[in-house]
Amino acid sequence: MKINPQFIIAIILMGNLLFESGYSKNAIKYFMQALKINPKEMQAIVGIANAYYDSGQTEKAIEYYKKAI
């Protein structure tokens, strides 16, 4: 599925869908893509943190949770 790379909302929604479906590693790719468009996009930062936490990468999760505050 191709998504316009400038359509950040669709990219974040795809990340959320993958995360909620249990595909945390794939979700991270979409959240990272969103951050390339807007490095301060809070939904993407928290999404990455949650996905890293869910996949057992606690240190990376903490790194992104800190960015969110």
PDB file of N, CA and C in Angstrom:
ATOM      1  N   MET A   1       0.836  -1.175   0.000  1.00  0.00           N
ATOM      2  CA  MET A   1       0.000   0.000   0.000  1.00  0.00           C
ATOM      3  C   MET A   1       0.884   1.242   0.000  1.00  0.00           C
ATOM      4  N   LYS A   2       0.661   2.133  -0.946  1.00  0.00           N
ATOM      5  CA  LYS A   2       1.436   3.369  -1.003  1.00  0.00           C
ATOM      6  C   LYS A   2       0.640   4.493  -0.365  1.00  0.00           C
ATOM      7  N   ILE A   3       1.330   5.263   0.454  1.00  0.00           N
ATOM      8  CA  ILE A   3       0.731   6.423   1.108  1.00  0.00           C
ATOM      9  C   ILE A   3       1.571   7.628   0.743  1.00  0.00           C
ATOM     10  N   ASN A   4       0.916   8.725   0.394  1.00  0.00           N
ATOM     11  CA  ASN A   4       1.628   9.963   0.109  1.00  0.00           C
ATOM     12  C   ASN A   4       2.487  10.309   1.314  1.00  0.00           C
ATOM     13  N   PRO A   5       3.801  10.418   1.145  1.00  0.00           N
ATOM     14  CA  PRO A   5       4.692  10.647   2.285  1.00  0.00           C
ATOM     15  C   PRO A   5       4.443  11.971   3.009  1.00  0.00           C
ATOM     16  N   GLN A   6       3.757  12.899   2.368  1.00  0.00           N
ATOM     17  CA  GLN A   6       3.464  14.164   3.038  1.00  0.00           C
ATOM     18  C   GLN A   6       2.152  14.120   3.822  1.00  0.00           C
ATOM     19  N   PHE A   7       1.411  13.040   3.732  1.00  0.00           N
ATOM     20  CA  PHE A   7       0.136  12.921   4.426  1.00  0.00           C
ATOM     21  C   PHE A   7       0.378  12.264   5.781  1.00  0.00           C
ATOM     22  N   ILE A   8       0.883  13.069   6.694  1.00  0.00           N
ATOM     23  CA  ILE A   8       1.355  12.569   7.990  1.00  0.00           C
ATOM     24  C   ILE A   8       0.259  11.891   8.804  1.00  0.00           C
ATOM     25  N   ILE A   9      -0.964  12.368   8.701  1.00  0.00           N
ATOM     26  CA  ILE A   9      -2.056  11.762   9.471  1.00  0.00           C
ATOM     27  C   ILE A   9      -2.253  10.308   9.052  1.00  0.00           C
ATOM     28  N   ALA A  10      -2.234  10.046   7.753  1.00  0.00           N
ATOM     29  CA  ALA A  10      -2.403   8.679   7.255  1.00  0.00           C
ATOM     30  C   ALA A  10      -1.249   7.792   7.704  1.00  0.00           C
ATOM     31  N   ILE A  11      -0.055   8.345   7.716  1.00  0.00           N
ATOM     32  CA  ILE A  11       1.125   7.577   8.133  1.00  0.00           C
ATOM     33  C   ILE A  11       1.000   7.188   9.605  1.00  0.00           C
ATOM     34  N   ILE A  12       0.597   8.132  10.446  1.00  0.00           N
ATOM     35  CA  ILE A  12       0.434   7.851  11.871  1.00  0.00           C
ATOM     36  C   ILE A  12      -0.695   6.851  12.099  1.00  0.00           C
ATOM     37  N   LEU A  13      -1.794   7.006  11.384  1.00  0.00           N
ATOM     38  CA  LEU A  13      -2.905   6.059  11.522  1.00  0.00           C
ATOM     39  C   LEU A  13      -2.490   4.648  11.124  1.00  0.00           C
ATOM     40  N   MET A  14      -1.680   4.544  10.084  1.00  0.00           N
ATOM     41  CA  MET A  14      -1.180   3.224   9.676  1.00  0.00           C
ATOM     42  C   MET A  14      -0.297   2.637  10.778  1.00  0.00           C
ATOM     43  N   GLY A  15       0.544   3.471  11.378  1.00  0.00           N
ATOM     44  CA  GLY A  15       1.355   3.011  12.499  1.00  0.00           C
ATOM     45  C   GLY A  15       0.495   2.539  13.656  1.00  0.00           C
ATOM     46  N   ASN A  16      -0.540   3.308  13.969  1.00  0.00           N
ATOM     47  CA  ASN A  16      -1.442   2.919  15.054  1.00  0.00           C
ATOM     48  C   ASN A  16      -2.155   1.608  14.751  1.00  0.00           C
ATOM     49  N   LEU A  17      -2.606   1.454  13.517  1.00  0.00           N
ATOM     50  CA  LEU A  17      -3.286   0.220  13.113  1.00  0.00           C
ATOM     51  C   LEU A  17      -2.369  -0.988  13.259  1.00  0.00           C
ATOM     52  N   LEU A  18      -1.141  -0.850  12.790  1.00  0.00           N
ATOM     53  CA  LEU A  18      -0.183  -1.949  12.906  1.00  0.00           C
ATOM     54  C   LEU A  18       0.120  -2.254  14.372  1.00  0.00           C
ATOM     55  N   PHE A  19       0.306  -1.209  15.175  1.00  0.00           N
ATOM     56  CA  PHE A  19       0.590  -1.413  16.597  1.00  0.00           C
ATOM     57  C   PHE A  19      -0.563  -2.143  17.282  1.00  0.00           C
ATOM     58  N   GLU A  20      -1.782  -1.679  17.049  1.00  0.00           N
ATOM     59  CA  GLU A  20      -2.955  -2.298  17.685  1.00  0.00           C
ATOM     60  C   GLU A  20      -3.187  -3.725  17.188  1.00  0.00           C
ATOM     61  N   SER A  21      -2.664  -4.042  16.007  1.00  0.00           N
ATOM     62  CA  SER A  21      -2.810  -5.389  15.446  1.00  0.00           C
ATOM     63  C   SER A  21      -1.679  -6.317  15.868  1.00  0.00           C
ATOM     64  N   GLY A  22      -0.750  -5.802  16.683  1.00  0.00           N
ATOM     65  CA  GLY A  22       0.327  -6.636  17.188  1.00  0.00           C
ATOM     66  C   GLY A  22       1.602  -6.608  16.353  1.00  0.00           C
ATOM     67  N   TYR A  23       1.693  -5.677  15.428  1.00  0.00           N
ATOM     68  CA  TYR A  23       2.865  -5.572  14.567  1.00  0.00           C
ATOM     69  C   TYR A  23       3.714  -4.359  14.954  1.00  0.00           C
ATOM     70  N   SER A  24       4.248  -4.398  16.165  1.00  0.00           N
ATOM     71  CA  SER A  24       4.979  -3.253  16.709  1.00  0.00           C
ATOM     72  C   SER A  24       6.184  -2.856  15.867  1.00  0.00           C
ATOM     73  N   LYS A  25       6.934  -3.829  15.401  1.00  0.00           N
ATOM     74  CA  LYS A  25       8.136  -3.508  14.620  1.00  0.00           C
ATOM     75  C   LYS A  25       7.778  -2.802  13.314  1.00  0.00           C
ATOM     76  N   ASN A  26       6.719  -3.229  12.672  1.00  0.00           N
ATOM     77  CA  ASN A  26       6.275  -2.560  11.446  1.00  0.00           C
ATOM     78  C   ASN A  26       5.714  -1.179  11.755  1.00  0.00           C
ATOM     79  N   ALA A  27       5.044  -1.051  12.891  1.00  0.00           N
ATOM     80  CA  ALA A  27       4.488   0.245  13.292  1.00  0.00           C
ATOM     81  C   ALA A  27       5.595   1.274  13.478  1.00  0.00           C
ATOM     82  N   ILE A  28       6.707   0.861  14.034  1.00  0.00           N
ATOM     83  CA  ILE A  28       7.833   1.772  14.265  1.00  0.00           C
ATOM     84  C   ILE A  28       8.274   2.405  12.949  1.00  0.00           C
ATOM     85  N   LYS A  29       8.291   1.645  11.879  1.00  0.00           N
ATOM     86  CA  LYS A  29       8.708   2.178  10.572  1.00  0.00           C
ATOM     87  C   LYS A  29       7.811   3.338  10.137  1.00  0.00           C
ATOM     88  N   TYR A  30       6.515   3.188  10.346  1.00  0.00           N
ATOM     89  CA  TYR A  30       5.589   4.253   9.961  1.00  0.00           C
ATOM     90  C   TYR A  30       5.740   5.477  10.873  1.00  0.00           C
ATOM     91  N   PHE A  31       5.888   5.246  12.178  1.00  0.00           N
ATOM     92  CA  PHE A  31       6.065   6.376  13.089  1.00  0.00           C
ATOM     93  C   PHE A  31       7.360   7.123  12.777  1.00  0.00           C
ATOM     94  N   MET A  32       8.404   6.390  12.435  1.00  0.00           N
ATOM     95  CA  MET A  32       9.671   7.021  12.063  1.00  0.00           C
ATOM     96  C   MET A  32       9.514   7.846  10.781  1.00  0.00           C
ATOM     97  N   GLN A  33       8.742   7.332   9.849  1.00  0.00           N
ATOM     98  CA  GLN A  33       8.478   8.065   8.609  1.00  0.00           C
ATOM     99  C   GLN A  33       7.768   9.379   8.932  1.00  0.00           C
ATOM    100  N   ALA A  34       6.825   9.343   9.863  1.00  0.00           N
ATOM    101  CA  ALA A  34       6.121  10.561  10.281  1.00  0.00           C
ATOM    102  C   ALA A  34       7.092  11.559  10.910  1.00  0.00           C
ATOM    103  N   LEU A  35       8.048  11.058  11.682  1.00  0.00           N
ATOM    104  CA  LEU A  35       9.017  11.952  12.322  1.00  0.00           C
ATOM    105  C   LEU A  35       9.961  12.595  11.306  1.00  0.00           C
ATOM    106  N   LYS A  36      10.175  11.947  10.186  1.00  0.00           N
ATOM    107  CA  LYS A  36      10.993  12.557   9.140  1.00  0.00           C
ATOM    108  C   LYS A  36      10.282  13.779   8.560  1.00  0.00           C
ATOM    109  N   ILE A  37       8.963  13.728   8.528  1.00  0.00           N
ATOM    110  CA  ILE A  37       8.179  14.851   8.026  1.00  0.00           C
ATOM    111  C   ILE A  37       8.094  15.954   9.086  1.00  0.00           C
ATOM    112  N   ASN A  38       7.819  15.545  10.318  1.00  0.00           N
ATOM    113  CA  ASN A  38       7.715  16.505  11.425  1.00  0.00           C
ATOM    114  C   ASN A  38       8.360  15.895  12.667  1.00  0.00           C
ATOM    115  N   PRO A  39       9.594  16.265  12.969  1.00  0.00           N
ATOM    116  CA  PRO A  39      10.326  15.679  14.101  1.00  0.00           C
ATOM    117  C   PRO A  39       9.690  15.931  15.471  1.00  0.00           C
ATOM    118  N   LYS A  40       8.728  16.837  15.546  1.00  0.00           N
ATOM    119  CA  LYS A  40       8.082  17.145  16.828  1.00  0.00           C
ATOM    120  C   LYS A  40       6.667  16.574  16.914  1.00  0.00           C
ATOM    121  N   GLU A  41       6.311  15.695  16.002  1.00  0.00           N
ATOM    122  CA  GLU A  41       4.966  15.117  15.980  1.00  0.00           C
ATOM    123  C   GLU A  41       4.777  14.187  17.182  1.00  0.00           C
ATOM    124  N   MET A  42       4.006  14.659  18.158  1.00  0.00           N
ATOM    125  CA  MET A  42       3.856  13.954  19.434  1.00  0.00           C
ATOM    126  C   MET A  42       3.221  12.563  19.275  1.00  0.00           C
ATOM    127  N   GLN A  43       2.235  12.432  18.403  1.00  0.00           N
ATOM    128  CA  GLN A  43       1.609  11.117  18.219  1.00  0.00           C
ATOM    129  C   GLN A  43       2.611  10.089  17.717  1.00  0.00           C
ATOM    130  N   ALA A  44       3.502  10.511  16.858  1.00  0.00           N
ATOM    131  CA  ALA A  44       4.525   9.595  16.337  1.00  0.00           C
ATOM    132  C   ALA A  44       5.540   9.254  17.420  1.00  0.00           C
ATOM    133  N   ILE A  45       5.945  10.244  18.218  1.00  0.00           N
ATOM    134  CA  ILE A  45       6.915  10.004  19.286  1.00  0.00           C
ATOM    135  C   ILE A  45       6.363   9.013  20.300  1.00  0.00           C
ATOM    136  N   VAL A  46       5.135   9.234  20.737  1.00  0.00           N
ATOM    137  CA  VAL A  46       4.516   8.328  21.716  1.00  0.00           C
ATOM    138  C   VAL A  46       4.252   6.963  21.084  1.00  0.00           C
ATOM    139  N   GLY A  47       3.876   6.954  19.817  1.00  0.00           N
ATOM    140  CA  GLY A  47       3.659   5.680  19.120  1.00  0.00           C
ATOM    141  C   GLY A  47       4.926   4.847  19.058  1.00  0.00           C
ATOM    142  N   ILE A  48       6.038   5.496  18.764  1.00  0.00           N
ATOM    143  CA  ILE A  48       7.323   4.786  18.737  1.00  0.00           C
ATOM    144  C   ILE A  48       7.651   4.251  20.124  1.00  0.00           C
ATOM    145  N   ALA A  49       7.471   5.090  21.140  1.00  0.00           N
ATOM    146  CA  ALA A  49       7.761   4.661  22.510  1.00  0.00           C
ATOM    147  C   ALA A  49       6.931   3.441  22.884  1.00  0.00           C
ATOM    148  N   ASN A  50       5.645   3.492  22.593  1.00  0.00           N
ATOM    149  CA  ASN A  50       4.763   2.368  22.919  1.00  0.00           C
ATOM    150  C   ASN A  50       5.150   1.107  22.154  1.00  0.00           C
ATOM    151  N   ALA A  51       5.491   1.278  20.886  1.00  0.00           N
ATOM    152  CA  ALA A  51       5.860   0.119  20.066  1.00  0.00           C
ATOM    153  C   ALA A  51       7.174  -0.497  20.542  1.00  0.00           C
ATOM    154  N   TYR A  52       8.149   0.342  20.890  1.00  0.00           N
ATOM    155  CA  TYR A  52       9.396  -0.192  21.434  1.00  0.00           C
ATOM    156  C   TYR A  52       9.137  -0.918  22.752  1.00  0.00           C
ATOM    157  N   TYR A  53       8.320  -0.332  23.598  1.00  0.00           N
ATOM    158  CA  TYR A  53       8.006  -0.972  24.887  1.00  0.00           C
ATOM    159  C   TYR A  53       7.329  -2.324  24.654  1.00  0.00           C
ATOM    160  N   ASP A  54       6.370  -2.336  23.749  1.00  0.00           N
ATOM    161  CA  ASP A  54       5.627  -3.562  23.453  1.00  0.00           C
ATOM    162  C   ASP A  54       6.529  -4.650  22.878  1.00  0.00           C
ATOM    163  N   SER A  55       7.560  -4.245  22.150  1.00  0.00           N
ATOM    164  CA  SER A  55       8.455  -5.242  21.549  1.00  0.00           C
ATOM    165  C   SER A  55       9.635  -5.591  22.467  1.00  0.00           C
ATOM    166  N   GLY A  56       9.595  -5.103  23.717  1.00  0.00           N
ATOM    167  CA  GLY A  56      10.619  -5.471  24.691  1.00  0.00           C
ATOM    168  C   GLY A  56      11.878  -4.633  24.650  1.00  0.00           C
ATOM    169  N   GLN A  57      11.871  -3.555  23.902  1.00  0.00           N
ATOM    170  CA  GLN A  57      13.041  -2.689  23.796  1.00  0.00           C
ATOM    171  C   GLN A  57      12.869  -1.495  24.749  1.00  0.00           C
ATOM    172  N   THR A  58      12.968  -1.793  26.025  1.00  0.00           N
ATOM    173  CA  THR A  58      12.655  -0.824  27.067  1.00  0.00           C
ATOM    174  C   THR A  58      13.522   0.426  27.019  1.00  0.00           C
ATOM    175  N   GLU A  59      14.806   0.271  26.785  1.00  0.00           N
ATOM    176  CA  GLU A  59      15.702   1.432  26.762  1.00  0.00           C
ATOM    177  C   GLU A  59      15.311   2.411  25.651  1.00  0.00           C
ATOM    178  N   LYS A  60      15.019   1.884  24.482  1.00  0.00           N
ATOM    179  CA  LYS A  60      14.593   2.744  23.377  1.00  0.00           C
ATOM    180  C   LYS A  60      13.241   3.384  23.697  1.00  0.00           C
ATOM    181  N   ALA A  61      12.362   2.613  24.336  1.00  0.00           N
ATOM    182  CA  ALA A  61      11.056   3.156  24.723  1.00  0.00           C
ATOM    183  C   ALA A  61      11.234   4.337  25.667  1.00  0.00           C
ATOM    184  N   ILE A  62      12.092   4.191  26.658  1.00  0.00           N
ATOM    185  CA  ILE A  62      12.344   5.272  27.622  1.00  0.00           C
ATOM    186  C   ILE A  62      12.880   6.506  26.905  1.00  0.00           C
ATOM    187  N   GLU A  63      13.770   6.303  25.953  1.00  0.00           N
ATOM    188  CA  GLU A  63      14.343   7.405  25.186  1.00  0.00           C
ATOM    189  C   GLU A  63      13.239   8.240  24.521  1.00  0.00           C
ATOM    190  N   TYR A  64      12.275   7.555  23.919  1.00  0.00           N
ATOM    191  CA  TYR A  64      11.199   8.273  23.237  1.00  0.00           C
ATOM    192  C   TYR A  64      10.157   8.819  24.218  1.00  0.00           C
ATOM    193  N   TYR A  65       9.918   8.125  25.323  1.00  0.00           N
ATOM    194  CA  TYR A  65       9.011   8.681  26.334  1.00  0.00           C
ATOM    195  C   TYR A  65       9.572   9.984  26.873  1.00  0.00           C
ATOM    196  N   LYS A  66      10.889  10.048  27.058  1.00  0.00           N
ATOM    197  CA  LYS A  66      11.523  11.282  27.535  1.00  0.00           C
ATOM    198  C   LYS A  66      11.356  12.422  26.535  1.00  0.00           C
ATOM    199  N   LYS A  67      11.397  12.086  25.257  1.00  0.00           N
ATOM    200  CA  LYS A  67      11.191  13.117  24.226  1.00  0.00           C
ATOM    201  C   LYS A  67       9.770  13.662  24.265  1.00  0.00           C
ATOM    202  N   ALA A  68       8.853  12.833  24.750  1.00  0.00           N
ATOM    203  CA  ALA A  68       7.438  13.227  24.779  1.00  0.00           C
ATOM    204  C   ALA A  68       7.117  14.191  25.918  1.00  0.00           C
ATOM    205  N   ILE A  69       8.032  14.263  26.906  1.00  0.00           N
ATOM    206  CA  ILE A  69       7.755  15.176  28.020  1.00  0.00           C
ATOM    207  C   ILE A  69       8.599  16.420  27.977  1.00  0.00           C
TER     208      ILE A  69
END
